[in-house]
Amino acid sequence: MNILIIEDDPETGSYLQRGLREAGWDPLLCTTAQEGILAVSGRDFDAVILDRMLPGMDGVDALRLIRGAGVATPVLMLTARTAIQDRVEGLEAGADDYLLKPFAMSELLARLKIIARRPTRPVEATEVQVGPLHLDRVKRTAHRGETLLDLSPLEFRLLDFMMQHAGQVVTRTILLEQVWGYRFDPKTSLVQTHMSRLRTKVDKPFETELIRTVRGSGYVLATD
């Protein structure tokens, strides 16, 4: 298999190249995000190993650009960060799997085999439009009509998720899992607080309310 490695650490890059060659695979090492983006855009690979922390450009931002360019090559993201939210951001940006450093080569090879043989999934649209709302995942901007919405990164993810499920009732539990990455109930008003802030920016300056509360159930982004 042809594997692209995007990793700036010389020791890790050398270790990956050696392990992949010993497995009979053909690795290409790029040490910057820009170099890796050019490589994956111009050549077919079976999979990409992408470091989360790269100089000049975060691995998640690099992945967004790769997916924004229409490249659907499976991506395994490496990271030393253990926070659930860091992994959620990578998966939402288009990663197919996540592996924490330090890692065993045997596990990395097994994960690469799995993602490389999956059917290629459609690349997620870089822009989403729901009624007057327009969201650009590459530029990380959101508009309501001509008005630019000043959203925090979390509010952006929250609106993105609501737009993906426009017209559907989204529960508090689903939001905690999909936006915050929680697999437990923190017993706080976390969702209500951030949803209130989002609605202040999306709805308050305008005549029509788009994000509506469904009492006892959750929230819905209106499509009418």
N, C-alpha and C. Protein backbone atom coordinates (compact mmCIF):
# COMPACT_ATOMS: atom_id res chain seq x y z
N MET A 1 0.84 -1.20 0.00
CA MET A 1 0.00 0.00 0.00
C MET A 1 0.88 1.25 0.00
N ASN A 2 0.39 2.28 -0.67
CA ASN A 2 1.07 3.57 -0.67
C ASN A 2 0.52 4.42 0.48
N ILE A 3 1.40 4.81 1.38
CA ILE A 3 0.98 5.55 2.57
C ILE A 3 1.70 6.90 2.61
N LEU A 4 0.95 7.97 2.79
CA LEU A 4 1.52 9.30 2.97
C LEU A 4 1.62 9.58 4.46
N ILE A 5 2.81 9.97 4.91
CA ILE A 5 3.03 10.36 6.31
C ILE A 5 3.25 11.86 6.35
N ILE A 6 2.46 12.56 7.16
CA ILE A 6 2.66 13.99 7.37
C ILE A 6 3.03 14.16 8.84
N GLU A 7 4.31 14.27 9.10
CA GLU A 7 4.85 14.25 10.47
C GLU A 7 6.14 15.08 10.51
N ASP A 8 6.20 16.06 11.41
CA ASP A 8 7.37 16.94 11.46
C ASP A 8 8.48 16.44 12.37
N ASP A 9 8.17 15.53 13.31
CA ASP A 9 9.19 15.04 14.23
C ASP A 9 10.07 14.00 13.53
N PRO A 10 11.39 14.26 13.40
CA PRO A 10 12.27 13.35 12.66
C PRO A 10 12.28 11.93 13.21
N GLU A 11 12.29 11.79 14.53
CA GLU A 11 12.34 10.46 15.13
C GLU A 11 11.07 9.67 14.83
N THR A 12 9.91 10.33 14.99
CA THR A 12 8.63 9.66 14.72
C THR A 12 8.50 9.35 13.23
N GLY A 13 8.90 10.30 12.38
CA GLY A 13 8.82 10.08 10.94
C GLY A 13 9.66 8.91 10.50
N SER A 14 10.88 8.82 11.03
CA SER A 14 11.78 7.70 10.69
C SER A 14 11.21 6.37 11.18
N TYR A 15 10.65 6.38 12.39
CA TYR A 15 10.05 5.17 12.95
C TYR A 15 8.88 4.68 12.09
N LEU A 16 8.04 5.62 11.64
CA LEU A 16 6.90 5.26 10.80
C LEU A 16 7.36 4.70 9.45
N GLN A 17 8.31 5.38 8.83
CA GLN A 17 8.81 4.90 7.54
C GLN A 17 9.38 3.49 7.67
N ARG A 18 10.19 3.26 8.68
CA ARG A 18 10.82 1.95 8.86
C ARG A 18 9.76 0.88 9.09
N GLY A 19 8.80 1.15 9.96
CA GLY A 19 7.77 0.16 10.25
C GLY A 19 6.91 -0.17 9.05
N LEU A 20 6.58 0.85 8.26
CA LEU A 20 5.74 0.62 7.07
C LEU A 20 6.51 -0.16 6.01
N ARG A 21 7.79 0.15 5.84
CA ARG A 21 8.60 -0.58 4.84
C ARG A 21 8.76 -2.05 5.25
N GLU A 22 8.96 -2.28 6.55
CA GLU A 22 9.09 -3.67 7.03
C GLU A 22 7.81 -4.45 6.82
N ALA A 23 6.67 -3.74 6.78
CA ALA A 23 5.37 -4.39 6.53
C ALA A 23 5.12 -4.58 5.04
N GLY A 24 6.06 -4.12 4.21
CA GLY A 24 5.92 -4.28 2.77
C GLY A 24 5.18 -3.16 2.08
N TRP A 25 5.00 -2.03 2.79
CA TRP A 25 4.27 -0.90 2.23
C TRP A 25 5.22 0.18 1.74
N ASP A 26 4.72 1.11 0.98
CA ASP A 26 5.54 2.16 0.37
C ASP A 26 5.17 3.51 1.00
N PRO A 27 5.97 4.01 1.96
CA PRO A 27 5.65 5.28 2.60
C PRO A 27 6.34 6.47 1.95
N LEU A 28 5.65 7.61 1.96
CA LEU A 28 6.23 8.89 1.55
C LEU A 28 6.10 9.84 2.73
N LEU A 29 7.21 10.44 3.15
CA LEU A 29 7.20 11.32 4.31
C LEU A 29 7.21 12.78 3.89
N CYS A 30 6.26 13.56 4.42
CA CYS A 30 6.24 15.01 4.28
C CYS A 30 6.34 15.60 5.68
N THR A 31 7.12 16.66 5.84
CA THR A 31 7.37 17.20 7.18
C THR A 31 6.59 18.46 7.49
N THR A 32 5.81 18.97 6.53
CA THR A 32 4.96 20.13 6.78
C THR A 32 3.56 19.86 6.24
N ALA A 33 2.59 20.57 6.78
CA ALA A 33 1.21 20.42 6.32
C ALA A 33 1.08 20.80 4.85
N GLN A 34 1.73 21.91 4.47
CA GLN A 34 1.63 22.39 3.09
C GLN A 34 2.18 21.35 2.10
N GLU A 35 3.31 20.75 2.46
CA GLU A 35 3.91 19.72 1.62
C GLU A 35 2.98 18.52 1.50
N GLY A 36 2.38 18.13 2.62
CA GLY A 36 1.48 16.98 2.62
C GLY A 36 0.22 17.22 1.82
N ILE A 37 -0.34 18.43 1.92
CA ILE A 37 -1.55 18.77 1.17
C ILE A 37 -1.28 18.69 -0.34
N LEU A 38 -0.14 19.19 -0.77
CA LEU A 38 0.23 19.12 -2.19
C LEU A 38 0.39 17.67 -2.63
N ALA A 39 1.01 16.86 -1.79
CA ALA A 39 1.25 15.46 -2.15
C ALA A 39 -0.06 14.68 -2.30
N VAL A 40 -0.95 14.81 -1.31
CA VAL A 40 -2.19 14.04 -1.34
C VAL A 40 -3.15 14.55 -2.41
N SER A 41 -3.00 15.81 -2.81
CA SER A 41 -3.86 16.36 -3.86
C SER A 41 -3.41 15.95 -5.25
N GLY A 42 -2.14 15.53 -5.37
CA GLY A 42 -1.61 15.23 -6.70
C GLY A 42 -1.30 13.78 -6.96
N ARG A 43 -1.53 12.91 -5.98
CA ARG A 43 -1.17 11.50 -6.13
C ARG A 43 -2.14 10.64 -5.33
N ASP A 44 -2.38 9.42 -5.79
CA ASP A 44 -3.29 8.51 -5.09
C ASP A 44 -2.54 7.76 -3.99
N PHE A 45 -3.08 7.79 -2.79
CA PHE A 45 -2.55 7.03 -1.67
C PHE A 45 -3.66 6.13 -1.13
N ASP A 46 -3.24 5.03 -0.50
CA ASP A 46 -4.22 4.15 0.13
C ASP A 46 -4.68 4.70 1.48
N ALA A 47 -3.79 5.46 2.13
CA ALA A 47 -4.12 6.07 3.42
C ALA A 47 -3.11 7.15 3.75
N VAL A 48 -3.49 8.02 4.68
CA VAL A 48 -2.63 9.10 5.14
C VAL A 48 -2.49 9.00 6.66
N ILE A 49 -1.25 9.13 7.14
CA ILE A 49 -0.99 9.26 8.58
C ILE A 49 -0.70 10.74 8.81
N LEU A 50 -1.52 11.39 9.61
CA LEU A 50 -1.43 12.84 9.80
C LEU A 50 -1.22 13.19 11.27
N ASP A 51 -0.11 13.89 11.55
CA ASP A 51 0.15 14.35 12.91
C ASP A 51 -0.78 15.50 13.25
N ARG A 52 -1.27 15.53 14.48
CA ARG A 52 -2.18 16.61 14.90
C ARG A 52 -1.44 17.94 15.06
N MET A 53 -0.23 17.91 15.63
CA MET A 53 0.50 19.14 15.91
C MET A 53 1.64 19.32 14.91
N LEU A 54 1.41 20.20 13.93
CA LEU A 54 2.38 20.47 12.88
C LEU A 54 2.80 21.93 12.93
N PRO A 55 4.02 22.25 12.50
CA PRO A 55 4.45 23.65 12.50
C PRO A 55 3.74 24.47 11.42
N GLY A 56 3.28 25.64 11.79
CA GLY A 56 2.67 26.54 10.80
C GLY A 56 1.19 26.32 10.56
N MET A 57 0.74 25.07 10.68
CA MET A 57 -0.68 24.76 10.45
C MET A 57 -1.06 23.52 11.25
N ASP A 58 -2.10 23.64 12.05
CA ASP A 58 -2.59 22.52 12.84
C ASP A 58 -3.06 21.40 11.92
N GLY A 59 -2.87 20.15 12.38
CA GLY A 59 -3.27 19.01 11.56
C GLY A 59 -4.76 19.00 11.23
N VAL A 60 -5.59 19.50 12.15
CA VAL A 60 -7.03 19.56 11.88
C VAL A 60 -7.33 20.54 10.76
N ASP A 61 -6.67 21.70 10.78
CA ASP A 61 -6.86 22.67 9.69
C ASP A 61 -6.37 22.11 8.36
N ALA A 62 -5.26 21.38 8.39
CA ALA A 62 -4.75 20.76 7.17
C ALA A 62 -5.76 19.74 6.64
N LEU A 63 -6.36 18.97 7.55
CA LEU A 63 -7.35 17.97 7.13
C LEU A 63 -8.57 18.64 6.52
N ARG A 64 -9.00 19.76 7.09
CA ARG A 64 -10.14 20.47 6.52
C ARG A 64 -9.84 20.92 5.08
N LEU A 65 -8.62 21.37 4.84
CA LEU A 65 -8.23 21.78 3.49
C LEU A 65 -8.19 20.59 2.54
N ILE A 66 -7.70 19.46 3.04
CA ILE A 66 -7.65 18.23 2.23
C ILE A 66 -9.06 17.80 1.84
N ARG A 67 -9.96 17.76 2.81
CA ARG A 67 -11.34 17.38 2.50
C ARG A 67 -12.03 18.44 1.65
N GLY A 68 -11.70 19.71 1.90
CA GLY A 68 -12.29 20.79 1.11
C GLY A 68 -11.89 20.73 -0.35
N ALA A 69 -10.73 20.12 -0.62
CA ALA A 69 -10.26 19.97 -2.00
C ALA A 69 -10.86 18.74 -2.68
N GLY A 70 -11.73 18.03 -1.94
CA GLY A 70 -12.40 16.86 -2.53
C GLY A 70 -11.62 15.57 -2.43
N VAL A 71 -10.57 15.53 -1.60
CA VAL A 71 -9.75 14.33 -1.43
C VAL A 71 -10.38 13.44 -0.37
N ALA A 72 -10.73 12.21 -0.74
CA ALA A 72 -11.44 11.31 0.18
C ALA A 72 -10.54 10.21 0.73
N THR A 73 -9.22 10.29 0.51
CA THR A 73 -8.28 9.29 1.01
C THR A 73 -8.44 9.10 2.52
N PRO A 74 -8.51 7.85 3.00
CA PRO A 74 -8.65 7.62 4.45
C PRO A 74 -7.49 8.24 5.23
N VAL A 75 -7.80 8.83 6.37
CA VAL A 75 -6.80 9.52 7.19
C VAL A 75 -6.81 8.97 8.61
N LEU A 76 -5.62 8.57 9.08
CA LEU A 76 -5.41 8.19 10.47
C LEU A 76 -4.66 9.34 11.13
N MET A 77 -5.25 9.95 12.14
CA MET A 77 -4.63 11.10 12.80
C MET A 77 -3.90 10.64 14.05
N LEU A 78 -2.65 11.13 14.20
CA LEU A 78 -1.85 10.85 15.39
C LEU A 78 -1.87 12.06 16.31
N THR A 79 -1.93 11.84 17.60
CA THR A 79 -1.93 12.96 18.53
C THR A 79 -1.39 12.54 19.89
N ALA A 80 -0.77 13.51 20.55
CA ALA A 80 -0.36 13.29 21.94
C ALA A 80 -1.40 13.84 22.89
N ARG A 81 -2.42 14.51 22.35
CA ARG A 81 -3.47 15.09 23.18
C ARG A 81 -4.49 14.01 23.57
N THR A 82 -4.85 14.01 24.83
CA THR A 82 -5.74 12.95 25.31
C THR A 82 -7.18 13.42 25.51
N ALA A 83 -7.43 14.73 25.39
CA ALA A 83 -8.79 15.24 25.62
C ALA A 83 -9.76 14.71 24.57
N ILE A 84 -10.94 14.33 25.02
CA ILE A 84 -11.96 13.82 24.11
C ILE A 84 -12.28 14.84 23.02
N GLN A 85 -12.38 16.11 23.41
CA GLN A 85 -12.76 17.14 22.44
C GLN A 85 -11.76 17.26 21.31
N ASP A 86 -10.46 17.05 21.60
CA ASP A 86 -9.45 17.09 20.54
C ASP A 86 -9.71 16.00 19.51
N ARG A 87 -10.08 14.82 19.99
CA ARG A 87 -10.38 13.72 19.08
C ARG A 87 -11.66 13.99 18.30
N VAL A 88 -12.64 14.56 18.97
CA VAL A 88 -13.90 14.89 18.30
C VAL A 88 -13.64 15.88 17.16
N GLU A 89 -12.81 16.90 17.41
CA GLU A 89 -12.51 17.89 16.37
C GLU A 89 -11.87 17.23 15.16
N GLY A 90 -10.94 16.30 15.41
CA GLY A 90 -10.30 15.62 14.29
C GLY A 90 -11.26 14.77 13.49
N LEU A 91 -12.12 14.04 14.19
CA LEU A 91 -13.11 13.20 13.50
C LEU A 91 -14.11 14.05 12.74
N GLU A 92 -14.52 15.17 13.32
CA GLU A 92 -15.46 16.05 12.64
C GLU A 92 -14.83 16.70 11.40
N ALA A 93 -13.51 16.91 11.44
CA ALA A 93 -12.83 17.51 10.30
C ALA A 93 -12.65 16.53 9.15
N GLY A 94 -12.87 15.22 9.43
CA GLY A 94 -12.80 14.25 8.35
C GLY A 94 -11.84 13.10 8.57
N ALA A 95 -11.27 12.97 9.78
CA ALA A 95 -10.39 11.84 10.07
C ALA A 95 -11.21 10.55 10.13
N ASP A 96 -10.61 9.45 9.69
CA ASP A 96 -11.29 8.16 9.74
C ASP A 96 -10.98 7.40 11.02
N ASP A 97 -9.86 7.72 11.64
CA ASP A 97 -9.50 7.07 12.89
C ASP A 97 -8.50 7.96 13.62
N TYR A 98 -8.30 7.66 14.90
CA TYR A 98 -7.44 8.46 15.76
C TYR A 98 -6.57 7.50 16.56
N LEU A 99 -5.28 7.81 16.70
CA LEU A 99 -4.38 6.98 17.48
C LEU A 99 -3.53 7.87 18.37
N LEU A 100 -3.50 7.56 19.66
CA LEU A 100 -2.76 8.37 20.62
C LEU A 100 -1.28 7.97 20.65
N LYS A 101 -0.41 8.98 20.77
CA LYS A 101 1.02 8.74 20.99
C LYS A 101 1.28 8.56 22.48
N PRO A 102 2.20 7.70 22.88
CA PRO A 102 2.98 6.78 22.04
C PRO A 102 2.12 5.59 21.60
N PHE A 103 2.45 5.00 20.48
CA PHE A 103 1.63 3.92 19.94
C PHE A 103 2.51 2.73 19.56
N ALA A 104 1.87 1.58 19.43
CA ALA A 104 2.56 0.37 18.98
C ALA A 104 2.42 0.27 17.47
N MET A 105 3.51 -0.07 16.79
CA MET A 105 3.46 -0.18 15.34
C MET A 105 2.43 -1.22 14.90
N SER A 106 2.30 -2.30 15.65
CA SER A 106 1.34 -3.34 15.28
C SER A 106 -0.08 -2.80 15.26
N GLU A 107 -0.43 -1.94 16.24
CA GLU A 107 -1.77 -1.35 16.27
C GLU A 107 -1.95 -0.38 15.11
N LEU A 108 -0.93 0.44 14.84
CA LEU A 108 -1.03 1.39 13.73
C LEU A 108 -1.25 0.66 12.41
N LEU A 109 -0.51 -0.41 12.17
CA LEU A 109 -0.67 -1.17 10.93
C LEU A 109 -2.08 -1.77 10.83
N ALA A 110 -2.57 -2.29 11.95
CA ALA A 110 -3.92 -2.88 11.95
C ALA A 110 -4.97 -1.82 11.63
N ARG A 111 -4.83 -0.64 12.23
CA ARG A 111 -5.80 0.43 11.98
C ARG A 111 -5.73 0.91 10.53
N LEU A 112 -4.51 1.00 9.98
CA LEU A 112 -4.37 1.41 8.58
C LEU A 112 -5.04 0.41 7.63
N LYS A 113 -4.86 -0.88 7.91
CA LYS A 113 -5.49 -1.91 7.07
C LYS A 113 -7.01 -1.76 7.08
N ILE A 114 -7.56 -1.47 8.27
CA ILE A 114 -9.02 -1.35 8.39
C ILE A 114 -9.55 -0.16 7.61
N ILE A 115 -8.94 1.03 7.79
CA ILE A 115 -9.48 2.21 7.11
C ILE A 115 -9.21 2.18 5.62
N ALA A 116 -8.12 1.51 5.21
CA ALA A 116 -7.78 1.48 3.78
C ALA A 116 -8.75 0.59 3.00
N ARG A 117 -9.35 -0.40 3.66
CA ARG A 117 -10.27 -1.27 2.93
C ARG A 117 -11.74 -0.88 3.08
N ARG A 118 -11.99 0.20 3.84
CA ARG A 118 -13.37 0.70 3.91
C ARG A 118 -13.76 1.32 2.58
N PRO A 119 -15.03 1.22 2.20
CA PRO A 119 -15.48 1.96 1.00
C PRO A 119 -15.22 3.44 1.20
N THR A 120 -14.73 4.09 0.16
CA THR A 120 -14.45 5.52 0.25
C THR A 120 -15.75 6.26 0.49
N ARG A 121 -15.78 7.05 1.55
CA ARG A 121 -17.00 7.76 1.90
C ARG A 121 -17.05 9.08 1.14
N PRO A 122 -18.24 9.57 0.87
CA PRO A 122 -18.33 10.87 0.21
C PRO A 122 -17.68 11.94 1.07
N VAL A 123 -17.00 12.88 0.43
CA VAL A 123 -16.40 13.98 1.16
C VAL A 123 -17.50 14.93 1.62
N GLU A 124 -17.45 15.27 2.89
CA GLU A 124 -18.47 16.17 3.44
C GLU A 124 -18.39 17.53 2.77
N ALA A 125 -19.54 18.08 2.45
CA ALA A 125 -19.57 19.39 1.80
C ALA A 125 -18.85 20.42 2.66
N THR A 126 -18.10 21.30 2.01
CA THR A 126 -17.38 22.33 2.75
C THR A 126 -18.29 23.50 3.11
N GLU A 127 -19.44 23.60 2.43
CA GLU A 127 -20.38 24.68 2.72
C GLU A 127 -21.77 24.10 2.93
N VAL A 128 -22.50 24.68 3.87
CA VAL A 128 -23.85 24.22 4.17
C VAL A 128 -24.79 25.42 4.14
N GLN A 129 -25.96 25.23 3.53
CA GLN A 129 -26.96 26.29 3.45
C GLN A 129 -28.28 25.75 3.97
N VAL A 130 -28.85 26.43 4.93
CA VAL A 130 -30.19 26.10 5.43
C VAL A 130 -30.94 27.42 5.55
N GLY A 131 -31.90 27.63 4.66
CA GLY A 131 -32.64 28.89 4.66
C GLY A 131 -31.67 30.05 4.53
N PRO A 132 -31.75 31.03 5.42
CA PRO A 132 -30.85 32.20 5.34
C PRO A 132 -29.48 31.94 5.96
N LEU A 133 -29.28 30.76 6.55
CA LEU A 133 -28.00 30.45 7.20
C LEU A 133 -27.03 29.83 6.20
N HIS A 134 -25.82 30.33 6.20
CA HIS A 134 -24.77 29.78 5.35
C HIS A 134 -23.52 29.57 6.20
N LEU A 135 -22.96 28.35 6.14
CA LEU A 135 -21.80 28.01 6.94
C LEU A 135 -20.69 27.49 6.03
N ASP A 136 -19.48 28.01 6.19
CA ASP A 136 -18.31 27.59 5.42
C ASP A 136 -17.34 26.89 6.37
N ARG A 137 -17.18 25.57 6.20
CA ARG A 137 -16.35 24.80 7.12
C ARG A 137 -14.86 25.04 6.92
N VAL A 138 -14.46 25.42 5.73
CA VAL A 138 -13.04 25.68 5.47
C VAL A 138 -12.63 27.03 6.03
N LYS A 139 -13.40 28.07 5.72
CA LYS A 139 -13.10 29.41 6.22
C LYS A 139 -13.53 29.60 7.68
N ARG A 140 -14.36 28.66 8.17
CA ARG A 140 -14.88 28.72 9.55
C ARG A 140 -15.70 29.98 9.76
N THR A 141 -16.56 30.28 8.79
CA THR A 141 -17.43 31.45 8.90
C THR A 141 -18.89 31.02 8.81
N ALA A 142 -19.76 31.82 9.44
CA ALA A 142 -21.20 31.58 9.38
C ALA A 142 -21.91 32.90 9.14
N HIS A 143 -22.89 32.88 8.25
CA HIS A 143 -23.67 34.09 7.94
C HIS A 143 -25.16 33.79 8.09
N ARG A 144 -25.90 34.81 8.47
CA ARG A 144 -27.36 34.77 8.32
C ARG A 144 -27.68 35.89 7.34
N GLY A 145 -28.04 35.50 6.13
CA GLY A 145 -28.19 36.47 5.06
C GLY A 145 -26.84 37.11 4.79
N GLU A 146 -26.77 38.42 4.83
CA GLU A 146 -25.51 39.12 4.61
C GLU A 146 -24.75 39.39 5.90
N THR A 147 -25.34 39.01 7.03
CA THR A 147 -24.74 39.32 8.33
C THR A 147 -23.78 38.22 8.77
N LEU A 148 -22.52 38.59 9.03
CA LEU A 148 -21.54 37.65 9.56
C LEU A 148 -21.82 37.41 11.03
N LEU A 149 -21.92 36.16 11.42
CA LEU A 149 -22.19 35.79 12.80
C LEU A 149 -20.86 35.57 13.53
N ASP A 150 -20.68 36.28 14.63
CA ASP A 150 -19.45 36.19 15.41
C ASP A 150 -19.57 35.04 16.40
N LEU A 151 -19.18 33.85 15.95
CA LEU A 151 -19.35 32.64 16.75
C LEU A 151 -18.02 32.16 17.33
N SER A 152 -18.08 31.63 18.53
CA SER A 152 -16.92 30.96 19.12
C SER A 152 -16.76 29.61 18.42
N PRO A 153 -15.58 28.95 18.54
CA PRO A 153 -15.41 27.63 17.93
C PRO A 153 -16.49 26.63 18.36
N LEU A 154 -16.87 26.65 19.63
CA LEU A 154 -17.90 25.72 20.10
C LEU A 154 -19.26 26.07 19.50
N GLU A 155 -19.58 27.36 19.44
CA GLU A 155 -20.85 27.78 18.84
C GLU A 155 -20.89 27.42 17.36
N PHE A 156 -19.75 27.50 16.69
CA PHE A 156 -19.69 27.12 15.28
C PHE A 156 -20.01 25.63 15.12
N ARG A 157 -19.40 24.79 15.96
CA ARG A 157 -19.67 23.35 15.89
C ARG A 157 -21.13 23.05 16.21
N LEU A 158 -21.67 23.77 17.17
CA LEU A 158 -23.06 23.57 17.57
C LEU A 158 -24.00 23.94 16.43
N LEU A 159 -23.75 25.07 15.79
CA LEU A 159 -24.59 25.47 14.66
C LEU A 159 -24.42 24.51 13.49
N ASP A 160 -23.19 24.08 13.24
CA ASP A 160 -22.93 23.12 12.17
C ASP A 160 -23.76 21.86 12.38
N PHE A 161 -23.76 21.34 13.61
CA PHE A 161 -24.51 20.12 13.90
C PHE A 161 -26.01 20.35 13.72
N MET A 162 -26.51 21.48 14.19
CA MET A 162 -27.93 21.78 14.03
C MET A 162 -28.31 21.90 12.55
N MET A 163 -27.42 22.49 11.74
CA MET A 163 -27.70 22.64 10.31
C MET A 163 -27.68 21.28 9.61
N GLN A 164 -26.80 20.39 10.04
CA GLN A 164 -26.76 19.04 9.46
C GLN A 164 -28.06 18.29 9.74
N HIS A 165 -28.72 18.66 10.83
CA HIS A 165 -29.95 17.96 11.23
C HIS A 165 -31.15 18.91 11.22
N ALA A 166 -31.12 19.85 10.30
CA ALA A 166 -32.21 20.83 10.19
C ALA A 166 -33.55 20.13 10.02
N GLY A 167 -34.56 20.62 10.74
CA GLY A 167 -35.89 20.04 10.68
C GLY A 167 -36.08 18.86 11.60
N GLN A 168 -35.00 18.39 12.26
CA GLN A 168 -35.09 17.26 13.19
C GLN A 168 -34.94 17.76 14.62
N VAL A 169 -35.66 17.13 15.52
CA VAL A 169 -35.51 17.46 16.94
C VAL A 169 -34.22 16.82 17.44
N VAL A 170 -33.32 17.65 17.99
CA VAL A 170 -32.04 17.18 18.50
C VAL A 170 -32.07 17.27 20.02
N THR A 171 -31.85 16.16 20.69
CA THR A 171 -31.95 16.13 22.14
C THR A 171 -30.68 16.64 22.81
N ARG A 172 -30.81 16.97 24.09
CA ARG A 172 -29.67 17.41 24.89
C ARG A 172 -28.60 16.32 24.95
N THR A 173 -29.01 15.07 25.08
CA THR A 173 -28.06 13.96 25.16
C THR A 173 -27.25 13.83 23.87
N ILE A 174 -27.93 13.95 22.73
CA ILE A 174 -27.23 13.86 21.45
C ILE A 174 -26.23 15.00 21.30
N LEU A 175 -26.61 16.19 21.71
CA LEU A 175 -25.69 17.33 21.62
C LEU A 175 -24.47 17.12 22.52
N LEU A 176 -24.68 16.61 23.73
CA LEU A 176 -23.56 16.35 24.63
C LEU A 176 -22.59 15.34 24.02
N GLU A 177 -23.12 14.33 23.34
CA GLU A 177 -22.27 13.31 22.73
C GLU A 177 -21.57 13.81 21.48
N GLN A 178 -22.32 14.46 20.59
CA GLN A 178 -21.81 14.79 19.27
C GLN A 178 -21.04 16.11 19.21
N VAL A 179 -21.38 17.07 20.04
CA VAL A 179 -20.71 18.37 20.02
C VAL A 179 -19.62 18.46 21.09
N TRP A 180 -19.95 17.96 22.29
CA TRP A 180 -18.98 18.03 23.40
C TRP A 180 -18.15 16.75 23.54
N GLY A 181 -18.62 15.66 22.97
CA GLY A 181 -17.89 14.41 23.08
C GLY A 181 -18.09 13.68 24.40
N TYR A 182 -19.12 14.07 25.17
CA TYR A 182 -19.38 13.42 26.45
C TYR A 182 -20.12 12.10 26.23
N ARG A 183 -19.75 11.11 27.04
CA ARG A 183 -20.47 9.84 27.05
C ARG A 183 -21.16 9.64 28.41
N PHE A 184 -21.37 10.78 29.10
CA PHE A 184 -22.06 10.76 30.39
C PHE A 184 -22.77 12.09 30.53
N ASP A 185 -23.69 12.14 31.46
CA ASP A 185 -24.43 13.38 31.71
C ASP A 185 -23.70 14.18 32.78
N PRO A 186 -23.16 15.36 32.45
CA PRO A 186 -22.42 16.14 33.45
C PRO A 186 -23.32 16.81 34.49
N LYS A 187 -24.62 16.65 34.33
CA LYS A 187 -25.58 17.22 35.29
C LYS A 187 -25.43 18.73 35.44
N THR A 188 -25.21 19.40 34.34
CA THR A 188 -25.10 20.87 34.35
C THR A 188 -26.01 21.42 33.26
N SER A 189 -26.09 22.76 33.21
CA SER A 189 -26.89 23.42 32.17
C SER A 189 -26.01 23.79 30.98
N LEU A 190 -24.98 22.99 30.72
CA LEU A 190 -24.02 23.26 29.66
C LEU A 190 -24.69 23.50 28.32
N VAL A 191 -25.55 22.58 27.92
CA VAL A 191 -26.20 22.70 26.61
C VAL A 191 -27.10 23.93 26.57
N GLN A 192 -27.91 24.09 27.60
CA GLN A 192 -28.85 25.21 27.62
C GLN A 192 -28.10 26.55 27.56
N THR A 193 -26.99 26.65 28.29
CA THR A 193 -26.23 27.90 28.32
C THR A 193 -25.67 28.25 26.95
N HIS A 194 -25.04 27.29 26.32
CA HIS A 194 -24.42 27.56 25.01
C HIS A 194 -25.46 27.71 23.91
N MET A 195 -26.55 26.97 24.02
CA MET A 195 -27.61 27.13 23.03
C MET A 195 -28.23 28.52 23.15
N SER A 196 -28.38 29.01 24.37
CA SER A 196 -28.92 30.35 24.58
C SER A 196 -28.01 31.41 23.95
N ARG A 197 -26.70 31.24 24.12
CA ARG A 197 -25.75 32.18 23.52
C ARG A 197 -25.79 32.12 22.00
N LEU A 198 -25.92 30.92 21.47
CA LEU A 198 -26.00 30.76 20.02
C LEU A 198 -27.26 31.42 19.47
N ARG A 199 -28.37 31.21 20.15
CA ARG A 199 -29.64 31.78 19.69
C ARG A 199 -29.61 33.30 19.76
N THR A 200 -28.91 33.85 20.74
CA THR A 200 -28.78 35.31 20.83
C THR A 200 -28.11 35.87 19.58
N LYS A 201 -27.14 35.12 19.04
CA LYS A 201 -26.41 35.60 17.86
C LYS A 201 -27.15 35.26 16.55
N VAL A 202 -27.80 34.10 16.51
CA VAL A 202 -28.46 33.66 15.27
C VAL A 202 -29.84 34.27 15.10
N ASP A 203 -30.57 34.45 16.21
CA ASP A 203 -31.98 34.84 16.12
C ASP A 203 -32.33 36.23 16.64
N LYS A 204 -31.68 36.63 17.71
CA LYS A 204 -32.12 37.85 18.40
C LYS A 204 -32.15 39.10 17.50
N PRO A 205 -31.15 39.33 16.62
CA PRO A 205 -31.18 40.55 15.80
C PRO A 205 -32.18 40.49 14.64
N PHE A 206 -32.86 39.35 14.47
CA PHE A 206 -33.71 39.14 13.30
C PHE A 206 -35.16 38.91 13.69
N GLU A 207 -36.04 39.08 12.73
CA GLU A 207 -37.48 38.94 13.00
C GLU A 207 -37.91 37.50 13.20
N THR A 208 -37.31 36.59 12.40
CA THR A 208 -37.74 35.19 12.43
C THR A 208 -36.83 34.34 13.29
N GLU A 209 -37.41 33.57 14.19
CA GLU A 209 -36.66 32.66 15.05
C GLU A 209 -36.42 31.35 14.30
N LEU A 210 -35.15 30.96 14.18
CA LEU A 210 -34.81 29.74 13.46
C LEU A 210 -34.57 28.56 14.41
N ILE A 211 -33.88 28.82 15.52
CA ILE A 211 -33.61 27.75 16.50
C ILE A 211 -34.72 27.78 17.55
N ARG A 212 -35.46 26.69 17.61
CA ARG A 212 -36.63 26.66 18.48
C ARG A 212 -36.53 25.55 19.51
N THR A 213 -37.06 25.81 20.68
CA THR A 213 -37.09 24.81 21.75
C THR A 213 -38.31 23.92 21.59
N VAL A 214 -38.09 22.63 21.66
CA VAL A 214 -39.20 21.66 21.67
C VAL A 214 -39.30 21.17 23.11
N ARG A 215 -40.26 21.69 23.82
CA ARG A 215 -40.33 21.47 25.26
C ARG A 215 -40.33 19.98 25.61
N GLY A 216 -39.43 19.61 26.51
CA GLY A 216 -39.34 18.22 26.95
C GLY A 216 -38.56 17.32 26.02
N SER A 217 -38.13 17.87 24.86
CA SER A 217 -37.44 17.02 23.89
C SER A 217 -36.03 17.54 23.54
N GLY A 218 -35.96 18.83 23.15
CA GLY A 218 -34.66 19.36 22.73
C GLY A 218 -34.82 20.61 21.91
N TYR A 219 -34.12 20.63 20.77
CA TYR A 219 -34.14 21.82 19.92
C TYR A 219 -34.29 21.41 18.46
N VAL A 220 -34.78 22.34 17.66
CA VAL A 220 -34.91 22.08 16.23
C VAL A 220 -34.54 23.33 15.47
N LEU A 221 -33.82 23.16 14.37
CA LEU A 221 -33.51 24.28 13.49
C LEU A 221 -34.57 24.28 12.39
N ALA A 222 -35.38 25.32 12.36
CA ALA A 222 -36.49 25.37 11.41
C ALA A 222 -35.97 25.50 9.99
N THR A 223 -36.65 24.86 9.06
CA THR A 223 -36.30 24.95 7.64
C THR A 223 -37.29 25.79 6.86
N ASP A 224 -38.39 26.22 7.52
CA ASP A 224 -39.41 27.00 6.80
C ASP A 224 -39.15 28.49 6.95
